[in-house]
Amino acid sequence: MTGAPLARGQGVALWRQIAATMEGEIARGSKAAGERLPTEAALTTRFGVNRHTVRRALEDLEARGLIRVEQGRGAFVAEDVVDYRLGPRTRFSELLRRQNREPAGRILRIGEIPAETQLAEALGIRRGRLVLRIDRLGLADGRPVVLGAHHLALPRCAAAAEVLETNASITAALEVCGIPDYRRQSSRITARLPTPEEADLLQQSRSRPVLVAESLNVDPAGQPVDWTIAVYAAGRVQLVVEP
């Protein structure tokens, strides 16, 4: 990227000029979607300013959704946002393929935990009863977009653990447990800052909010089978709620 020299002493903050220059270059296609931007050190040399000024410009571009900043990896031109539809039968892989994106999943952890009050009430079980927790990272075109903590009722879903060792599909795991179909009964959506682990897994800035959806999935008979807390990278996902 190249551009005109900054106008100093003209009443326009230097960081705003840098942000405007980089925005124009992105708009003209000098950098493709997903492409890495020059480092902060390179930008300070290019514009003849200190790192704080460059960082302020990058923060502005990130806040407006023009770039994304990944912890430890740098800044990248933002890609198109995924429309993630929260409907009665939302299926991660099907949803992404309909948008011509390649879905993938990675199981991070599997284990049994005692149900605390909120979880027990959601699944309709006794507090302290063991449930199966699966932490799963969902990716679109190789980029992390959602971190899901699934809580499955036991002993009904005990067989899911073995399936998920080789197949990261929650749908496939539930099918093995005798649940070939399920639907989303309810969702509650909030926003907050990510934890350090969430920011690292989603490859986003810790200062950028994430969207959080708490959802209850039930079988055709209305029996709860999965209570999920899904954390979405807000810079790459737009939640669309369907009736």
Foldseek 3Di string as FASTA:
>chain_A
DADDADDPPPPDQPLVVVLVGVVVCVVVPVDDAFAFDDALVVVCVRHVHDSVSPVVNVVVCVVVLQWFAFVPPHIGGHDAAQAQEQFFAGFQQVSLVVVVWHKDKDWDDKDKDFADDVRCVLQVHDGGDIWIWIWMFMDTNRATFKTKIKTFDPPLQVQLVVVCVPDVGPCVSVVVSVQNGKTWPDKDKDKDFDDPVVSNSNRGDSVDIWIWIWIWIAGPVRRTTITMIMTGDVSRYDYHYDD
